[in-house]
Every structure is written in C-alpha cells, then in structure tokens.
Amino acid sequence: MIEDIKKRALHRTSILEGQMRGVARMIESEEYCMDIITQSRAIQRSLESLNRLLLENHLRTHVTHMFEEGGEERDQAVAELLKAFDFDRK
C-alpha cells in the first residue's frame, strides 16, 4: 500500500470509529431522529472518502500492473473495477 494513502486511510477509519460511537450514544439517549440521520449521512460521506482512497491505491498499484500484464490479468482488473462501482456483470 502506498504509505501516504495508508496514513490517510487509517486516519479516516479513526474518524469513522468516533462518528459511529457518537451515533450509538445519540440513539441510546434517544436524540432527535433528524439529528441522528444527519450524523449517519456524515458517516456515509466519510465511508465514500475512505473508498476513494482505497480505490486510488488499488489503481496506482495493482491495476496498473494488471493492465501491463494484459490478457487474463487485464480482464480481472476490469472485473474488479466494475465490481467496485457495482457494475459487475453477474
């Protein structure tokens, strides 16, 4: 894994852990539903940010190599990318 991306991804997971604990506390204390939903949506955006980092790492490392190899490796890279975007053909 690319060191900078790894550092940023781990930082993002720490933020997500805190956000999840916060939502659990909000639910436990029966806070206003719309406030909980707002926090839940923020978590979803944070997850998307993490996914972008992980995808960037995959593209810069594995996918580049797989395309250079060609053949089945390239086909596998294409299948993985389609799956990452929920476009897989299954």
N, C-alpha and C. Protein backbone atom coordinates (compact mmCIF):
# COMPACT_ATOMS: atom_id res chain seq x y z
N MET A 1 0.86 -1.18 0.00
CA MET A 1 0.00 0.00 0.00
C MET A 1 0.90 1.24 0.00
N ILE A 2 0.49 2.24 -0.75
CA ILE A 2 1.23 3.50 -0.80
C ILE A 2 1.15 4.15 0.58
N GLU A 3 2.30 4.52 1.12
CA GLU A 3 2.38 4.98 2.52
C GLU A 3 1.47 6.16 2.82
N ASP A 4 1.44 7.17 1.95
CA ASP A 4 0.60 8.34 2.18
C ASP A 4 -0.88 7.96 2.20
N ILE A 5 -1.28 7.11 1.28
CA ILE A 5 -2.68 6.69 1.23
C ILE A 5 -3.02 5.86 2.46
N LYS A 6 -2.10 4.99 2.87
CA LYS A 6 -2.31 4.18 4.07
C LYS A 6 -2.52 5.07 5.29
N LYS A 7 -1.68 6.08 5.44
CA LYS A 7 -1.79 7.01 6.57
C LYS A 7 -3.14 7.72 6.56
N ARG A 8 -3.54 8.20 5.39
CA ARG A 8 -4.82 8.91 5.27
C ARG A 8 -6.00 7.97 5.51
N ALA A 9 -5.91 6.74 5.03
CA ALA A 9 -6.99 5.77 5.21
C ALA A 9 -7.14 5.41 6.69
N LEU A 10 -6.03 5.21 7.37
CA LEU A 10 -6.10 4.90 8.80
C LEU A 10 -6.67 6.07 9.59
N HIS A 11 -6.31 7.29 9.20
CA HIS A 11 -6.87 8.48 9.85
C HIS A 11 -8.39 8.52 9.64
N ARG A 12 -8.80 8.22 8.43
CA ARG A 12 -10.24 8.22 8.11
C ARG A 12 -10.98 7.17 8.94
N THR A 13 -10.37 5.98 9.13
CA THR A 13 -11.05 4.95 9.93
C THR A 13 -11.17 5.38 11.38
N SER A 14 -10.18 6.11 11.89
CA SER A 14 -10.28 6.62 13.27
C SER A 14 -11.44 7.59 13.40
N ILE A 15 -11.59 8.45 12.41
CA ILE A 15 -12.70 9.40 12.41
C ILE A 15 -14.03 8.64 12.36
N LEU A 16 -14.10 7.64 11.49
CA LEU A 16 -15.33 6.84 11.37
C LEU A 16 -15.68 6.14 12.68
N GLU A 17 -14.67 5.61 13.37
CA GLU A 17 -14.94 4.96 14.66
C GLU A 17 -15.57 5.94 15.63
N GLY A 18 -15.04 7.14 15.69
CA GLY A 18 -15.60 8.16 16.58
C GLY A 18 -17.01 8.55 16.18
N GLN A 19 -17.23 8.67 14.88
CA GLN A 19 -18.57 9.03 14.40
C GLN A 19 -19.58 7.93 14.76
N MET A 20 -19.19 6.68 14.61
CA MET A 20 -20.10 5.57 14.94
C MET A 20 -20.42 5.54 16.43
N ARG A 21 -19.41 5.75 17.26
CA ARG A 21 -19.67 5.79 18.70
C ARG A 21 -20.62 6.94 19.03
N GLY A 22 -20.44 8.06 18.35
CA GLY A 22 -21.33 9.21 18.58
C GLY A 22 -22.76 8.90 18.21
N VAL A 23 -22.96 8.23 17.09
CA VAL A 23 -24.33 7.87 16.67
C VAL A 23 -24.94 6.89 17.66
N ALA A 24 -24.15 5.93 18.13
CA ALA A 24 -24.67 4.97 19.12
C ALA A 24 -25.11 5.70 20.38
N ARG A 25 -24.33 6.68 20.82
CA ARG A 25 -24.72 7.46 22.01
C ARG A 25 -26.00 8.25 21.74
N MET A 26 -26.11 8.80 20.54
CA MET A 26 -27.32 9.56 20.19
C MET A 26 -28.55 8.66 20.22
N ILE A 27 -28.41 7.45 19.69
CA ILE A 27 -29.54 6.51 19.70
C ILE A 27 -29.88 6.11 21.12
N GLU A 28 -28.85 5.79 21.90
CA GLU A 28 -29.04 5.38 23.30
C GLU A 28 -29.78 6.47 24.10
N SER A 29 -29.43 7.72 23.85
CA SER A 29 -30.07 8.81 24.60
C SER A 29 -31.33 9.33 23.90
N GLU A 30 -31.75 8.63 22.84
CA GLU A 30 -32.98 8.93 22.12
C GLU A 30 -33.04 10.38 21.65
N GLU A 31 -31.96 10.82 21.02
CA GLU A 31 -31.94 12.17 20.48
C GLU A 31 -32.87 12.26 19.27
N TYR A 32 -33.09 13.46 18.82
CA TYR A 32 -33.99 13.75 17.71
C TYR A 32 -33.55 12.98 16.46
N CYS A 33 -34.51 12.28 15.86
CA CYS A 33 -34.21 11.39 14.72
C CYS A 33 -33.47 12.11 13.60
N MET A 34 -33.87 13.31 13.27
CA MET A 34 -33.24 14.01 12.16
C MET A 34 -31.77 14.33 12.48
N ASP A 35 -31.46 14.56 13.74
CA ASP A 35 -30.06 14.79 14.11
C ASP A 35 -29.24 13.50 13.94
N ILE A 36 -29.84 12.37 14.29
CA ILE A 36 -29.16 11.08 14.11
C ILE A 36 -28.96 10.80 12.62
N ILE A 37 -29.98 11.06 11.83
CA ILE A 37 -29.87 10.85 10.39
C ILE A 37 -28.77 11.73 9.79
N THR A 38 -28.70 12.97 10.24
CA THR A 38 -27.65 13.88 9.76
C THR A 38 -26.27 13.29 10.04
N GLN A 39 -26.08 12.75 11.23
CA GLN A 39 -24.79 12.14 11.57
C GLN A 39 -24.55 10.87 10.77
N SER A 40 -25.59 10.09 10.56
CA SER A 40 -25.47 8.88 9.77
C SER A 40 -25.05 9.20 8.33
N ARG A 41 -25.62 10.25 7.76
CA ARG A 41 -25.25 10.68 6.41
C ARG A 41 -23.79 11.13 6.37
N ALA A 42 -23.34 11.79 7.44
CA ALA A 42 -21.94 12.22 7.51
C ALA A 42 -21.02 10.99 7.50
N ILE A 43 -21.44 9.93 8.18
CA ILE A 43 -20.67 8.69 8.19
C ILE A 43 -20.61 8.10 6.79
N GLN A 44 -21.73 8.12 6.08
CA GLN A 44 -21.74 7.61 4.71
C GLN A 44 -20.77 8.38 3.82
N ARG A 45 -20.72 9.69 3.99
CA ARG A 45 -19.78 10.50 3.20
C ARG A 45 -18.34 10.16 3.59
N SER A 46 -18.10 9.93 4.86
CA SER A 46 -16.76 9.55 5.30
C SER A 46 -16.35 8.19 4.73
N LEU A 47 -17.30 7.26 4.68
CA LEU A 47 -17.02 5.95 4.07
C LEU A 47 -16.69 6.09 2.59
N GLU A 48 -17.41 6.95 1.90
CA GLU A 48 -17.13 7.18 0.48
C GLU A 48 -15.73 7.77 0.31
N SER A 49 -15.34 8.64 1.21
CA SER A 49 -13.99 9.21 1.17
C SER A 49 -12.95 8.11 1.36
N LEU A 50 -13.20 7.21 2.30
CA LEU A 50 -12.29 6.08 2.52
C LEU A 50 -12.24 5.20 1.28
N ASN A 51 -13.39 4.92 0.69
CA ASN A 51 -13.43 4.09 -0.52
C ASN A 51 -12.64 4.73 -1.66
N ARG A 52 -12.71 6.04 -1.81
CA ARG A 52 -11.94 6.72 -2.85
C ARG A 52 -10.44 6.54 -2.62
N LEU A 53 -10.01 6.65 -1.36
CA LEU A 53 -8.59 6.44 -1.05
C LEU A 53 -8.16 5.02 -1.39
N LEU A 54 -8.97 4.05 -1.00
CA LEU A 54 -8.62 2.65 -1.26
C LEU A 54 -8.62 2.35 -2.75
N LEU A 55 -9.57 2.93 -3.47
CA LEU A 55 -9.61 2.74 -4.91
C LEU A 55 -8.40 3.39 -5.57
N GLU A 56 -8.03 4.57 -5.12
CA GLU A 56 -6.84 5.23 -5.66
C GLU A 56 -5.61 4.34 -5.47
N ASN A 57 -5.46 3.78 -4.28
CA ASN A 57 -4.32 2.90 -4.02
C ASN A 57 -4.36 1.70 -4.97
N HIS A 58 -5.53 1.10 -5.12
CA HIS A 58 -5.66 -0.07 -5.99
C HIS A 58 -5.30 0.28 -7.44
N LEU A 59 -5.77 1.42 -7.90
CA LEU A 59 -5.47 1.84 -9.27
C LEU A 59 -3.98 2.09 -9.47
N ARG A 60 -3.36 2.75 -8.50
CA ARG A 60 -1.94 3.11 -8.63
C ARG A 60 -1.02 1.91 -8.47
N THR A 61 -1.48 0.86 -7.84
CA THR A 61 -0.60 -0.28 -7.59
C THR A 61 -1.03 -1.48 -8.42
N HIS A 62 -2.04 -2.15 -8.01
CA HIS A 62 -2.45 -3.41 -8.64
C HIS A 62 -2.96 -3.26 -10.07
N VAL A 63 -3.86 -2.33 -10.29
CA VAL A 63 -4.49 -2.22 -11.60
C VAL A 63 -3.46 -1.85 -12.67
N THR A 64 -2.57 -0.95 -12.34
CA THR A 64 -1.53 -0.57 -13.29
C THR A 64 -0.74 -1.80 -13.73
N HIS A 65 -0.33 -2.60 -12.77
CA HIS A 65 0.42 -3.82 -13.07
C HIS A 65 -0.42 -4.80 -13.89
N MET A 66 -1.68 -4.96 -13.52
CA MET A 66 -2.55 -5.92 -14.18
C MET A 66 -2.78 -5.53 -15.65
N PHE A 67 -2.93 -4.24 -15.92
CA PHE A 67 -3.11 -3.79 -17.30
C PHE A 67 -1.84 -4.00 -18.11
N GLU A 68 -0.70 -3.78 -17.49
CA GLU A 68 0.58 -4.01 -18.18
C GLU A 68 0.75 -5.48 -18.55
N GLU A 69 0.29 -6.37 -17.66
CA GLU A 69 0.39 -7.81 -17.92
C GLU A 69 -0.50 -8.23 -19.08
N GLY A 70 -1.66 -7.59 -19.21
CA GLY A 70 -2.59 -7.91 -20.29
C GLY A 70 -3.31 -9.23 -20.06
N GLY A 71 -4.02 -9.70 -21.07
CA GLY A 71 -4.71 -10.98 -21.02
C GLY A 71 -5.67 -11.11 -19.86
N GLU A 72 -5.58 -12.25 -19.17
CA GLU A 72 -6.47 -12.53 -18.05
C GLU A 72 -6.29 -11.54 -16.90
N GLU A 73 -5.05 -11.10 -16.70
CA GLU A 73 -4.79 -10.11 -15.64
C GLU A 73 -5.59 -8.82 -15.91
N ARG A 74 -5.53 -8.37 -17.15
CA ARG A 74 -6.27 -7.16 -17.52
C ARG A 74 -7.76 -7.37 -17.35
N ASP A 75 -8.27 -8.53 -17.78
CA ASP A 75 -9.69 -8.84 -17.63
C ASP A 75 -10.11 -8.85 -16.17
N GLN A 76 -9.24 -9.38 -15.32
CA GLN A 76 -9.54 -9.40 -13.88
C GLN A 76 -9.59 -7.97 -13.33
N ALA A 77 -8.66 -7.12 -13.76
CA ALA A 77 -8.66 -5.72 -13.31
C ALA A 77 -9.95 -5.03 -13.71
N VAL A 78 -10.40 -5.25 -14.93
CA VAL A 78 -11.65 -4.65 -15.40
C VAL A 78 -12.82 -5.16 -14.55
N ALA A 79 -12.85 -6.46 -14.29
CA ALA A 79 -13.93 -7.04 -13.48
C ALA A 79 -13.93 -6.45 -12.07
N GLU A 80 -12.74 -6.28 -11.49
CA GLU A 80 -12.64 -5.71 -10.14
C GLU A 80 -13.14 -4.27 -10.12
N LEU A 81 -12.78 -3.50 -11.12
CA LEU A 81 -13.23 -2.11 -11.18
C LEU A 81 -14.74 -2.03 -11.35
N LEU A 82 -15.29 -2.88 -12.20
CA LEU A 82 -16.75 -2.90 -12.35
C LEU A 82 -17.43 -3.26 -11.04
N LYS A 83 -16.85 -4.23 -10.32
CA LYS A 83 -17.41 -4.63 -9.03
C LYS A 83 -17.32 -3.49 -8.02
N ALA A 84 -16.21 -2.76 -8.03
CA ALA A 84 -16.03 -1.64 -7.11
C ALA A 84 -17.11 -0.58 -7.29
N PHE A 85 -17.60 -0.47 -8.51
CA PHE A 85 -18.65 0.53 -8.80
C PHE A 85 -20.02 -0.12 -8.94
N ASP A 86 -20.15 -1.35 -8.47
CA ASP A 86 -21.41 -2.09 -8.55
C ASP A 86 -21.91 -2.27 -9.97
N PHE A 87 -20.98 -2.40 -10.91
CA PHE A 87 -21.34 -2.62 -12.29
C PHE A 87 -21.00 -4.04 -12.74
N ASP A 88 -20.72 -4.92 -11.80
CA ASP A 88 -20.30 -6.27 -12.22
C ASP A 88 -21.43 -6.95 -12.97
N ARG A 89 -21.04 -7.82 -13.87
CA ARG A 89 -21.98 -8.44 -14.82
C ARG A 89 -22.65 -9.69 -14.30
N LYS A 90 -22.52 -10.03 -13.06
CA LYS A 90 -23.06 -11.28 -12.52
C LYS A 90 -24.53 -11.17 -12.26
